[in-house]
C-alpha atoms as a PDB file:
ATOM      1  CA  MET A   1      11.708  -4.917  10.841  1.00  0.00           C
ATOM      2  CA  ALA A   2      15.026  -6.682  10.535  1.00  0.00           C
ATOM      3  CA  ASP A   3      18.042  -5.091   8.866  1.00  0.00           C
ATOM      4  CA  THR A   4      19.346  -6.641   5.673  1.00  0.00           C
ATOM      5  CA  ALA A   5      22.903  -6.215   4.427  1.00  0.00           C
ATOM      6  CA  ALA A   6      22.926  -4.502   1.037  1.00  0.00           C
ATOM      7  CA  PRO A   7      25.423  -2.580  -1.068  1.00  0.00           C
ATOM      8  CA  ALA A   8      24.856   1.133  -1.458  1.00  0.00           C
ATOM      9  CA  PRO A   9      22.809   1.954  -4.577  1.00  0.00           C
ATOM     10  CA  THR A  10      24.627   3.256  -7.657  1.00  0.00           C
ATOM     11  CA  ARG A  11      21.996   3.707 -10.386  1.00  0.00           C
ATOM     12  CA  ALA A  12      18.469   5.020  -9.872  1.00  0.00           C
ATOM     13  CA  LEU A  13      15.286   4.919 -11.882  1.00  0.00           C
ATOM     14  CA  VAL A  14      13.091   7.790 -10.672  1.00  0.00           C
ATOM     15  CA  LEU A  15       9.393   7.219 -11.356  1.00  0.00           C
ATOM     16  CA  GLY A  16       7.039  10.173 -11.338  1.00  0.00           C
ATOM     17  CA  ASN A  17       3.287  10.030 -11.815  1.00  0.00           C
ATOM     18  CA  PRO A  18       1.866  13.258 -13.313  1.00  0.00           C
ATOM     19  CA  ALA A  19      -1.641  12.112 -12.331  1.00  0.00           C
ATOM     20  CA  SER A  20      -0.876  11.653  -8.626  1.00  0.00           C
ATOM     21  CA  GLY A  21      -2.324  13.872  -5.929  1.00  0.00           C
ATOM     22  CA  SER A  22       0.544  16.299  -5.352  1.00  0.00           C
ATOM     23  CA  HIS A  23       2.762  15.766  -8.401  1.00  0.00           C
ATOM     24  CA  SER A  24       4.910  18.632  -9.591  1.00  0.00           C
ATOM     25  CA  PRO A  25       7.733  18.794 -12.145  1.00  0.00           C
ATOM     26  CA  GLU A  26       9.749  20.680  -9.537  1.00  0.00           C
ATOM     27  CA  LEU A  27       9.550  17.768  -7.094  1.00  0.00           C
ATOM     28  CA  VAL A  28      10.654  15.291  -9.763  1.00  0.00           C
ATOM     29  CA  GLU A  29      13.609  17.491 -10.657  1.00  0.00           C
ATOM     30  CA  GLU A  30      14.610  17.903  -7.006  1.00  0.00           C
ATOM     31  CA  VAL A  31      14.614  14.132  -6.555  1.00  0.00           C
ATOM     32  CA  ARG A  32      16.556  13.587  -9.785  1.00  0.00           C
ATOM     33  CA  GLN A  33      19.178  16.127  -8.825  1.00  0.00           C
ATOM     34  CA  LEU A  34      19.620  14.624  -5.363  1.00  0.00           C
ATOM     35  CA  CYS A  35      20.019  11.138  -6.839  1.00  0.00           C
ATOM     36  CA  ALA A  36      22.391  12.390  -9.529  1.00  0.00           C
ATOM     37  CA  SER A  37      24.569  14.125  -6.956  1.00  0.00           C
ATOM     38  CA  CYS A  38      25.075  10.895  -4.994  1.00  0.00           C
ATOM     39  CA  LEU A  39      24.932   8.111  -7.586  1.00  0.00           C
ATOM     40  CA  GLU A  40      26.584   7.173 -10.845  1.00  0.00           C
ATOM     41  CA  ARG A  41      23.379   7.719 -12.797  1.00  0.00           C
ATOM     42  CA  ALA A  42      19.790   8.864 -12.299  1.00  0.00           C
ATOM     43  CA  GLU A  43      17.155   8.584 -15.016  1.00  0.00           C
ATOM     44  CA  VAL A  44      13.534   9.744 -14.897  1.00  0.00           C
ATOM     45  CA  HIS A  45      10.432   8.041 -16.220  1.00  0.00           C
ATOM     46  CA  LEU A  46       7.074   9.842 -16.092  1.00  0.00           C
ATOM     47  CA  THR A  47       4.185   7.414 -16.222  1.00  0.00           C
ATOM     48  CA  THR A  48       1.639   7.782 -18.999  1.00  0.00           C
ATOM     49  CA  GLY A  49      -1.305   5.827 -17.626  1.00  0.00           C
ATOM     50  CA  PRO A  50      -2.440   2.880 -15.498  1.00  0.00           C
ATOM     51  CA  GLY A  51       0.052   0.029 -15.515  1.00  0.00           C
ATOM     52  CA  ASP A  52       2.881   2.047 -17.048  1.00  0.00           C
ATOM     53  CA  ALA A  53       4.932   2.094 -13.834  1.00  0.00           C
ATOM     54  CA  THR A  54       4.874  -1.705 -13.719  1.00  0.00           C
ATOM     55  CA  VAL A  55       6.063  -1.979 -17.314  1.00  0.00           C
ATOM     56  CA  ALA A  56       8.758   0.686 -16.859  1.00  0.00           C
ATOM     57  CA  VAL A  57      10.231  -0.983 -13.768  1.00  0.00           C
ATOM     58  CA  ARG A  58      10.170  -4.447 -15.319  1.00  0.00           C
ATOM     59  CA  ARG A  59      11.844  -3.302 -18.527  1.00  0.00           C
ATOM     60  CA  ALA A  60      14.515  -1.339 -16.673  1.00  0.00           C
ATOM     61  CA  LEU A  61      15.401  -4.285 -14.433  1.00  0.00           C
ATOM     62  CA  GLN A  62      15.584  -6.686 -17.373  1.00  0.00           C
ATOM     63  CA  ARG A  63      18.226  -4.677 -19.230  1.00  0.00           C
ATOM     64  CA  PRO A  64      21.295  -6.813 -19.944  1.00  0.00           C
ATOM     65  CA  THR A  65      23.561  -3.956 -18.805  1.00  0.00           C
ATOM     66  CA  GLY A  66      23.073  -0.778 -16.792  1.00  0.00           C
ATOM     67  CA  ALA A  67      19.943  -1.882 -14.956  1.00  0.00           C
ATOM     68  CA  PRO A  68      19.045   0.328 -11.969  1.00  0.00           C
ATOM     69  CA  ASP A  69      19.640  -0.995  -8.478  1.00  0.00           C
ATOM     70  CA  LEU A  70      17.347   1.611  -6.867  1.00  0.00           C
ATOM     71  CA  ILE A  71      13.750   2.379  -7.848  1.00  0.00           C
ATOM     72  CA  VAL A  72      12.666   5.752  -6.443  1.00  0.00           C
ATOM     73  CA  VAL A  73       8.889   6.141  -6.655  1.00  0.00           C
ATOM     74  CA  ILE A  74       7.435   9.643  -6.452  1.00  0.00           C
ATOM     75  CA  GLY A  75       3.698   9.332  -6.110  1.00  0.00           C
ATOM     76  CA  GLY A  76       0.876   8.046  -4.015  1.00  0.00           C
ATOM     77  CA  ASP A  77       0.076   4.542  -2.860  1.00  0.00           C
ATOM     78  CA  GLY A  78      -1.276   3.562  -6.279  1.00  0.00           C
ATOM     79  CA  THR A  79       1.993   4.410  -7.998  1.00  0.00           C
ATOM     80  CA  VAL A  80       3.964   2.456  -5.398  1.00  0.00           C
ATOM     81  CA  ARG A  81       1.587  -0.478  -5.881  1.00  0.00           C
ATOM     82  CA  GLU A  82       2.313  -0.515  -9.612  1.00  0.00           C
ATOM     83  CA  ALA A  83       6.060  -0.272  -9.066  1.00  0.00           C
ATOM     84  CA  VAL A  84       5.932  -3.223  -6.653  1.00  0.00           C
ATOM     85  CA  GLN A  85       4.213  -5.363  -9.322  1.00  0.00           C
ATOM     86  CA  GLY A  86       7.198  -4.783 -11.600  1.00  0.00           C
ATOM     87  CA  LEU A  87       9.921  -4.958  -8.963  1.00  0.00           C
ATOM     88  CA  VAL A  88       9.191  -8.091  -6.965  1.00  0.00           C
ATOM     89  CA  PRO A  89       9.221 -10.743  -9.726  1.00  0.00           C
ATOM     90  CA  VAL A  90      12.589  -9.584 -11.167  1.00  0.00           C
ATOM     91  CA  THR A  91      14.108  -7.720  -8.236  1.00  0.00           C
ATOM     92  CA  GLY A  92      17.689  -9.038  -8.518  1.00  0.00           C
ATOM     93  CA  ASN A  93      19.661  -6.573  -6.407  1.00  0.00           C
ATOM     94  CA  ALA A  94      17.201  -3.724  -6.964  1.00  0.00           C
ATOM     95  CA  THR A  95      15.607  -1.988  -3.983  1.00  0.00           C
ATOM     96  CA  LEU A  96      12.768   0.472  -3.446  1.00  0.00           C
ATOM     97  CA  ALA A  97      12.662   3.973  -1.992  1.00  0.00           C
ATOM     98  CA  VAL A  98       9.449   5.982  -1.659  1.00  0.00           C
ATOM     99  CA  VAL A  99       8.978   9.753  -1.965  1.00  0.00           C
ATOM    100  CA  PRO A 100       5.469  10.954  -1.022  1.00  0.00           C
ATOM    101  CA  GLY A 101       3.749  12.553  -3.996  1.00  0.00           C
ATOM    102  CA  GLY A 102       0.136  11.465  -3.731  1.00  0.00           C
ATOM    103  CA  THR A 103      -2.965  12.046  -1.634  1.00  0.00           C
ATOM    104  CA  GLY A 104      -2.756   9.444   1.135  1.00  0.00           C
ATOM    105  CA  ASN A 105       0.922   8.445   1.067  1.00  0.00           C
ATOM    106  CA  SER A 106       0.273   5.613   3.532  1.00  0.00           C
ATOM    107  CA  GLY A 107       3.217   3.629   2.204  1.00  0.00           C
ATOM    108  CA  TYR A 108       5.675   6.409   2.970  1.00  0.00           C
ATOM    109  CA  LYS A 109       4.129   7.056   6.371  1.00  0.00           C
ATOM    110  CA  MET A 110       4.345   3.427   7.470  1.00  0.00           C
ATOM    111  CA  LEU A 111       8.101   3.521   6.770  1.00  0.00           C
ATOM    112  CA  TRP A 112       9.252   7.037   7.635  1.00  0.00           C
ATOM    113  CA  GLY A 113       6.404   8.575   9.650  1.00  0.00           C
ATOM    114  CA  GLU A 114       6.378  12.348   9.357  1.00  0.00           C
ATOM    115  CA  ARG A 115      10.016  12.796   8.282  1.00  0.00           C
ATOM    116  CA  PRO A 116      10.496  15.087   5.273  1.00  0.00           C
ATOM    117  CA  TRP A 117      11.220  13.161   2.099  1.00  0.00           C
ATOM    118  CA  SER A 118      14.508  14.998   1.580  1.00  0.00           C
ATOM    119  CA  GLU A 119      15.840  13.606   4.876  1.00  0.00           C
ATOM    120  CA  SER A 120      14.737  10.060   4.156  1.00  0.00           C
ATOM    121  CA  LEU A 121      16.097  10.006   0.595  1.00  0.00           C
ATOM    122  CA  LYS A 122      19.415  11.498   1.686  1.00  0.00           C
ATOM    123  CA  ALA A 123      19.629   8.722   4.286  1.00  0.00           C
ATOM    124  CA  VAL A 124      19.116   6.133   1.552  1.00  0.00           C
ATOM    125  CA  LEU A 125      21.651   7.694  -0.808  1.00  0.00           C
ATOM    126  CA  THR A 126      24.358   8.596   1.685  1.00  0.00           C
ATOM    127  CA  ASP A 127      23.702   6.324   4.696  1.00  0.00           C
ATOM    128  CA  ASN A 128      23.953   9.456   6.827  1.00  0.00           C
ATOM    129  CA  GLY A 129      20.345  10.343   7.527  1.00  0.00           C
ATOM    130  CA  ILE A 130      18.938  12.552  10.257  1.00  0.00           C
ATOM    131  CA  GLY A 131      18.235  10.548  13.412  1.00  0.00           C
ATOM    132  CA  GLY A 132      19.950   7.394  12.180  1.00  0.00           C
ATOM    133  CA  SER A 133      21.022   5.878   8.869  1.00  0.00           C
ATOM    134  CA  ALA A 134      18.711   4.102   6.493  1.00  0.00           C
ATOM    135  CA  ARG A 135      18.766   0.327   6.316  1.00  0.00           C
ATOM    136  CA  LEU A 136      17.319  -2.072   3.805  1.00  0.00           C
ATOM    137  CA  ARG A 137      14.289  -3.896   5.172  1.00  0.00           C
ATOM    138  CA  ARG A 138      12.447  -6.830   3.670  1.00  0.00           C
ATOM    139  CA  LEU A 139       8.733  -6.351   4.055  1.00  0.00           C
ATOM    140  CA  ASP A 140       6.056  -9.002   3.820  1.00  0.00           C
ATOM    141  CA  LEU A 141       3.608  -8.752   0.960  1.00  0.00           C
ATOM    142  CA  ALA A 142       0.302 -10.451   0.341  1.00  0.00           C
ATOM    143  CA  ARG A 143      -0.604 -12.084  -2.945  1.00  0.00           C
ATOM    144  CA  LEU A 144      -4.207 -12.102  -4.090  1.00  0.00           C
ATOM    145  CA  ALA A 145      -4.732 -15.649  -5.325  1.00  0.00           C
ATOM    146  CA  GLN A 146      -7.469 -14.715  -7.803  1.00  0.00           C
ATOM    147  CA  THR A 147      -5.265 -12.260  -9.749  1.00  0.00           C
ATOM    148  CA  ARG A 148      -1.722 -13.205  -8.601  1.00  0.00           C
ATOM    149  CA  ASN A 149      -1.103  -9.504  -7.917  1.00  0.00           C
ATOM    150  CA  TYR A 150       0.990  -8.367  -4.972  1.00  0.00           C
ATOM    151  CA  VAL A 151      -0.722  -6.405  -2.208  1.00  0.00           C
ATOM    152  CA  TYR A 152       1.499  -3.694  -0.755  1.00  0.00           C
ATOM    153  CA  LEU A 153      -0.501  -1.798   1.892  1.00  0.00           C
ATOM    154  CA  GLY A 154      -3.670  -3.784   2.197  1.00  0.00           C
ATOM    155  CA  ALA A 155      -6.921  -4.926   0.659  1.00  0.00           C
ATOM    156  CA  CYS A 156     -10.385  -4.029   1.854  1.00  0.00           C
ATOM    157  CA  SER A 157     -13.843  -5.326   1.110  1.00  0.00           C
ATOM    158  CA  GLY A 158     -17.139  -3.564   1.671  1.00  0.00           C
ATOM    159  CA  VAL A 159     -17.718   0.141   2.134  1.00  0.00           C
ATOM    160  CA  ILE A 160     -14.145   1.290   1.464  1.00  0.00           C
ATOM    161  CA  ALA A 161     -14.101  -0.562  -1.854  1.00  0.00           C
ATOM    162  CA  ASP A 162     -17.511   0.713  -2.913  1.00  0.00           C
ATOM    163  CA  ALA A 163     -16.463   4.276  -2.066  1.00  0.00           C
ATOM    164  CA  LEU A 164     -13.872   4.085  -4.867  1.00  0.00           C
ATOM    165  CA  ILE A 165     -16.688   3.582  -7.353  1.00  0.00           C
ATOM    166  CA  THR A 166     -18.566   6.569  -5.931  1.00  0.00           C
ATOM    167  CA  ALA A 167     -15.415   8.725  -6.132  1.00  0.00           C
ATOM    168  CA  ARG A 168     -15.222   8.343  -9.900  1.00  0.00           C
ATOM    169  CA  GLU A 169     -18.376  10.413 -10.339  1.00  0.00           C
ATOM    170  CA  LEU A 170     -17.347  13.313  -8.101  1.00  0.00           C
ATOM    171  CA  PRO A 171     -15.883  16.543  -9.563  1.00  0.00           C
ATOM    172  CA  LEU A 172     -13.393  16.844  -6.688  1.00  0.00           C
ATOM    173  CA  THR A 173      -9.729  16.025  -6.118  1.00  0.00           C
ATOM    174  CA  GLY A 174      -7.443  14.749  -3.367  1.00  0.00           C
ATOM    175  CA  ARG A 175      -8.653  13.903   0.105  1.00  0.00           C
ATOM    176  CA  GLU A 176     -11.793  15.980  -0.327  1.00  0.00           C
ATOM    177  CA  ARG A 177     -12.876  13.657  -3.120  1.00  0.00           C
ATOM    178  CA  TYR A 178     -12.468  10.470  -1.110  1.00  0.00           C
ATOM    179  CA  ALA A 179     -13.917  11.943   2.067  1.00  0.00           C
ATOM    180  CA  ARG A 180     -17.031  12.940   0.157  1.00  0.00           C
ATOM    181  CA  ALA A 181     -17.193   9.607  -1.638  1.00  0.00           C
ATOM    182  CA  PHE A 182     -16.955   7.689   1.626  1.00  0.00           C
ATOM    183  CA  ALA A 183     -19.631   9.836   3.277  1.00  0.00           C
ATOM    184  CA  ASP A 184     -21.987   9.360   0.336  1.00  0.00           C
ATOM    185  CA  THR A 185     -21.353   5.617   0.184  1.00  0.00           C
ATOM    186  CA  ALA A 186     -21.575   5.059   3.937  1.00  0.00           C
ATOM    187  CA  ASP A 187     -24.905   6.839   4.294  1.00  0.00           C
ATOM    188  CA  GLY A 188     -27.280   3.938   4.903  1.00  0.00           C
ATOM    189  CA  TYR A 189     -24.703   1.409   3.662  1.00  0.00           C
ATOM    190  CA  PRO A 190     -26.044  -2.148   4.137  1.00  0.00           C
ATOM    191  CA  PRO A 191     -23.518  -4.625   5.549  1.00  0.00           C
ATOM    192  CA  TYR A 192     -22.982  -7.599   3.285  1.00  0.00           C
ATOM    193  CA  PRO A 193     -23.311 -11.210   4.515  1.00  0.00           C
ATOM    194  CA  GLY A 194     -19.713 -12.256   4.943  1.00  0.00           C
ATOM    195  CA  ARG A 195     -17.287 -14.826   6.228  1.00  0.00           C
ATOM    196  CA  VAL A 196     -13.579 -14.454   7.032  1.00  0.00           C
ATOM    197  CA  THR A 197     -11.343 -17.497   7.406  1.00  0.00           C
ATOM    198  CA  VAL A 198      -7.783 -17.381   8.770  1.00  0.00           C
ATOM    199  CA  ASP A 199      -5.597 -20.461   8.218  1.00  0.00           C
ATOM    200  CA  GLY A 200      -8.700 -22.613   7.917  1.00  0.00           C
ATOM    201  CA  ARG A 201     -10.441 -21.204  10.983  1.00  0.00           C
ATOM    202  CA  VAL A 202     -13.575 -19.062  10.659  1.00  0.00           C
ATOM    203  CA  VAL A 203     -13.052 -15.889  12.701  1.00  0.00           C
ATOM    204  CA  HIS A 204     -16.143 -13.992  11.530  1.00  0.00           C
ATOM    205  CA  GLU A 205     -19.452 -14.868   9.935  1.00  0.00           C
ATOM    206  CA  GLY A 206     -22.376 -12.492   9.593  1.00  0.00           C
ATOM    207  CA  PRO A 207     -23.101  -8.870   8.627  1.00  0.00           C
ATOM    208  CA  THR A 208     -19.897  -7.216   7.444  1.00  0.00           C
ATOM    209  CA  VAL A 209     -19.167  -3.534   6.873  1.00  0.00           C
ATOM    210  CA  LEU A 210     -15.573  -4.195   5.820  1.00  0.00           C
ATOM    211  CA  ALA A 211     -12.716  -6.650   6.110  1.00  0.00           C
ATOM    212  CA  ASN A 212      -9.219  -5.214   5.726  1.00  0.00           C
ATOM    213  CA  VAL A 213      -6.245  -7.519   5.064  1.00  0.00           C
ATOM    214  CA  GLY A 214      -2.626  -6.328   5.153  1.00  0.00           C
ATOM    215  CA  GLY A 215      -0.162  -4.991   5.363  1.00  0.00           C
ATOM    216  CA  GLY A 216       0.393  -1.448   6.442  1.00  0.00           C
ATOM    217  CA  ARG A 217      -1.017   0.080   9.591  1.00  0.00           C
ATOM    218  CA  TYR A 218      -2.532   3.067   7.777  1.00  0.00           C
ATOM    219  CA  ARG A 219      -4.998   3.445   4.963  1.00  0.00           C
ATOM    220  CA  GLY A 220      -5.646   6.810   3.352  1.00  0.00           C
ATOM    221  CA  GLY A 221      -2.608   8.166   5.160  1.00  0.00           C
ATOM    222  CA  ARG A 222      -4.604   8.703   8.350  1.00  0.00           C
ATOM    223  CA  PHE A 223      -6.805   5.776   9.322  1.00  0.00           C
ATOM    224  CA  GLN A 224      -5.338   3.058  11.551  1.00  0.00           C
ATOM    225  CA  VAL A 225      -7.426   0.135  10.372  1.00  0.00           C
ATOM    226  CA  LEU A 226      -4.670  -2.354  11.267  1.00  0.00           C
ATOM    227  CA  PRO A 227      -3.029  -0.721  14.293  1.00  0.00           C
ATOM    228  CA  GLY A 228      -1.251  -3.893  15.414  1.00  0.00           C
ATOM    229  CA  SER A 229       0.299  -4.724  12.059  1.00  0.00           C
ATOM    230  CA  LEU A 230       3.999  -5.613  11.894  1.00  0.00           C
ATOM    231  CA  LEU A 231       5.646  -5.345   8.510  1.00  0.00           C
ATOM    232  CA  ASP A 232       7.917  -8.372   8.628  1.00  0.00           C
ATOM    233  CA  ASP A 233       6.491 -10.920  11.049  1.00  0.00           C
ATOM    234  CA  GLY A 234       5.610 -13.370   8.281  1.00  0.00           C
ATOM    235  CA  LEU A 235       1.891 -12.936   8.949  1.00  0.00           C
ATOM    236  CA  LEU A 236      -1.037 -11.038   7.473  1.00  0.00           C
ATOM    237  CA  ASP A 237      -3.368  -9.070   9.729  1.00  0.00           C
ATOM    238  CA  VAL A 238      -7.109  -8.879   9.162  1.00  0.00           C
ATOM    239  CA  CYS A 239      -9.566  -6.506  10.785  1.00  0.00           C
ATOM    240  CA  VAL A 240     -13.280  -7.163  10.342  1.00  0.00           C
ATOM    241  CA  ILE A 241     -15.826  -4.498  11.238  1.00  0.00           C
ATOM    242  CA  GLY A 242     -19.189  -6.161  11.628  1.00  0.00           C
ATOM    243  CA  GLY A 243     -22.722  -4.916  11.338  1.00  0.00           C
ATOM    244  CA  GLY A 244     -22.734  -3.585  14.899  1.00  0.00           C
ATOM    245  CA  ILE A 245     -20.831  -0.508  13.684  1.00  0.00           C
ATOM    246  CA  ALA A 246     -22.458   1.907  11.250  1.00  0.00           C
ATOM    247  CA  ALA A 247     -20.381   2.431   8.114  1.00  0.00           C
ATOM    248  CA  ALA A 248     -20.563   6.185   8.642  1.00  0.00           C
ATOM    249  CA  ASP A 249     -18.737   5.820  11.981  1.00  0.00           C
ATOM    250  CA  VAL A 250     -15.737   3.985  10.525  1.00  0.00           C
ATOM    251  CA  PRO A 251     -13.548   7.056   9.747  1.00  0.00           C
ATOM    252  CA  GLU A 252     -13.863   8.552  13.215  1.00  0.00           C
ATOM    253  CA  LEU A 253     -13.285   5.215  14.945  1.00  0.00           C
ATOM    254  CA  THR A 254     -10.273   4.205  12.857  1.00  0.00           C
ATOM    255  CA  LEU A 255      -8.623   7.615  13.066  1.00  0.00           C
ATOM    256  CA  ASN A 256      -7.370   6.678  16.541  1.00  0.00           C
ATOM    257  CA  ALA A 257      -7.956   2.913  16.389  1.00  0.00           C
ATOM    258  CA  ALA A 258     -11.006   3.209  18.666  1.00  0.00           C
ATOM    259  CA  HIS A 259     -12.726   0.472  16.636  1.00  0.00           C
ATOM    260  CA  MET A 260     -10.438  -2.040  18.341  1.00  0.00           C
ATOM    261  CA  ASP A 261     -12.418  -1.667  21.576  1.00  0.00           C
ATOM    262  CA  HIS A 262     -15.789  -2.278  19.918  1.00  0.00           C
ATOM    263  CA  PRO A 263     -17.386  -5.745  20.242  1.00  0.00           C
ATOM    264  CA  ALA A 264     -18.286  -5.687  16.531  1.00  0.00           C
ATOM    265  CA  THR A 265     -14.579  -5.708  15.581  1.00  0.00           C
ATOM    266  CA  VAL A 266     -12.624  -8.909  14.989  1.00  0.00           C
ATOM    267  CA  TYR A 267      -8.830  -8.859  14.628  1.00  0.00           C
ATOM    268  CA  ALA A 268      -6.697 -11.855  13.679  1.00  0.00           C
ATOM    269  CA  ARG A 269      -3.401 -12.870  12.053  1.00  0.00           C
ATOM    270  CA  GLY A 270      -2.413 -15.707   9.782  1.00  0.00           C
ATOM    271  CA  ARG A 271      -0.647 -16.856   6.640  1.00  0.00           C
ATOM    272  CA  ARG A 272      -3.704 -17.429   4.462  1.00  0.00           C
ATOM    273  CA  ILE A 273      -6.857 -15.333   4.745  1.00  0.00           C
ATOM    274  CA  THR A 274     -10.083 -15.709   2.769  1.00  0.00           C
ATOM    275  CA  VAL A 275     -12.761 -13.002   2.656  1.00  0.00           C
ATOM    276  CA  GLU A 276     -16.082 -13.940   1.055  1.00  0.00           C
ATOM    277  CA  ARG A 277     -19.710 -13.111   0.596  1.00  0.00           C
ATOM    278  CA  THR A 278     -21.980 -15.924   1.691  1.00  0.00           C
ATOM    279  CA  ASP A 279     -24.834 -14.952  -0.624  1.00  0.00           C
ATOM    280  CA  GLY A 280     -22.808 -15.695  -3.767  1.00  0.00           C
ATOM    281  CA  LEU A 281     -22.824 -12.123  -5.065  1.00  0.00           C
ATOM    282  CA  ARG A 282     -19.636 -10.360  -6.159  1.00  0.00           C
ATOM    283  CA  LEU A 283     -17.413  -9.230  -3.295  1.00  0.00           C
ATOM    284  CA  PRO A 284     -16.656  -5.483  -3.454  1.00  0.00           C
ATOM    285  CA  LEU A 285     -12.872  -5.385  -3.059  1.00  0.00           C
ATOM    286  CA  GLU A 286      -9.963  -3.005  -3.516  1.00  0.00           C
ATOM    287  CA  HIS A 287      -6.279  -3.287  -2.824  1.00  0.00           C
ATOM    288  CA  ASP A 288      -3.862  -0.401  -2.555  1.00  0.00           C
ATOM    289  CA  GLY A 289      -6.592   1.939  -3.784  1.00  0.00           C
ATOM    290  CA  GLU A 290      -7.426  -0.044  -6.946  1.00  0.00           C
ATOM    291  CA  TYR A 291     -10.912  -1.560  -7.292  1.00  0.00           C
ATOM    292  CA  GLN A 292     -10.784  -5.258  -8.229  1.00  0.00           C
ATOM    293  CA  HIS A 293     -13.458  -5.764 -10.866  1.00  0.00           C
ATOM    294  CA  GLY A 294     -12.580  -9.350 -11.705  1.00  0.00           C
ATOM    295  CA  ILE A 295     -13.221 -10.772  -8.243  1.00  0.00           C
ATOM    296  CA  GLY A 296     -16.120 -13.133  -7.685  1.00  0.00           C
ATOM    297  CA  ALA A 297     -17.697 -13.961  -4.325  1.00  0.00           C
ATOM    298  CA  SER A 298     -14.404 -14.518  -2.487  1.00  0.00           C
ATOM    299  CA  ALA A 299     -10.791 -13.372  -2.290  1.00  0.00           C
ATOM    300  CA  THR A 300      -7.871 -15.310  -0.802  1.00  0.00           C
ATOM    301  CA  PHE A 301      -4.641 -13.705   0.346  1.00  0.00           C
ATOM    302  CA  GLU A 302      -1.373 -15.541   0.956  1.00  0.00           C
ATOM    303  CA  VAL A 303       1.598 -14.022   2.754  1.00  0.00           C
ATOM    304  CA  LEU A 304       4.935 -13.671   0.950  1.00  0.00           C
ATOM    305  CA  PRO A 305       7.423 -13.205   3.797  1.00  0.00           C
ATOM    306  CA  GLY A 306      10.216 -10.698   3.147  1.00  0.00           C
ATOM    307  CA  ALA A 307       9.329 -10.278  -0.529  1.00  0.00           C
ATOM    308  CA  LEU A 308       9.847  -6.509  -0.838  1.00  0.00           C
ATOM    309  CA  PRO A 309      13.308  -4.917  -0.350  1.00  0.00           C
ATOM    310  CA  VAL A 310      12.600  -1.316   0.701  1.00  0.00           C
ATOM    311  CA  TRP A 311      14.602   1.387   2.470  1.00  0.00           C
ATOM    312  CA  ALA A 312      13.460   2.524   5.888  1.00  0.00           C
ATOM    313  CA  PRO A 313      14.991   4.022   9.070  1.00  0.00           C
ATOM    314  CA  ALA A 314      17.514   1.910  10.914  1.00  0.00           C
ATOM    315  CA  THR A 315      15.572   2.615  14.098  1.00  0.00           C
ATOM    316  CA  PRO A 316      11.766   2.901  13.786  1.00  0.00           C
END
């Protein structure tokens, strides 16, 4: 990831999501106090429902005066996804910082690894972080052509998408909920007839358990579905797991990227990637943990090089 020159932030909008996996009022207050101690101003917005983070960020950035130049998102990957939808179209000089407050926190992990959030945020605010100062990085995003939404971490068809539907019916929370949902969905899961095209070239056609396009290396905070992904190379990665791998084996294989050695796995990179069902039925698809109900039989992703200004370590 290349460094980008940027002025130090002065005004922060702190977004907290009370519905996220590990939200607490104490965490929000700690973040607010840290921002307030280093910046001219720090305001807090607690989201009230789906889509509210997008609206809050967009409105704040469109103020004629006093707009924030730093958006601090406390939440999981879904909250960050919503903030990105509001930030990227009207970014101006505003930048993003992430504080893990959800279940998976893949977005934080891909930037800061296992560093405590207090160290990473102090590095952003003071440019004097532990192990090296923070620097502004411009990350590639994908845009889903069918919805025009920005994809932050990645999008996945097949069993991972269908597991989100299963999870809605389970009386569980956090990682336990999604682990159970995946296990229930993967049990006897039939691969769908699929095709994946990268820059006009077909790289996979046949039984498909999943096709993941991104984006970040991790999904669910643990699973390295795209282990070779670079965040600012101007390309999208795609990993296809074909019918030669049972859906139930996907978590164990992707935990340590062992799926990359399996002949049923296809890995490719490109600027435009299309994932489709060849039987004409609706493609089960999610991106950044949000099921995409309006998708038909195919989904096309286009890379947006350097579209997201986000704070990360100066040295990975």
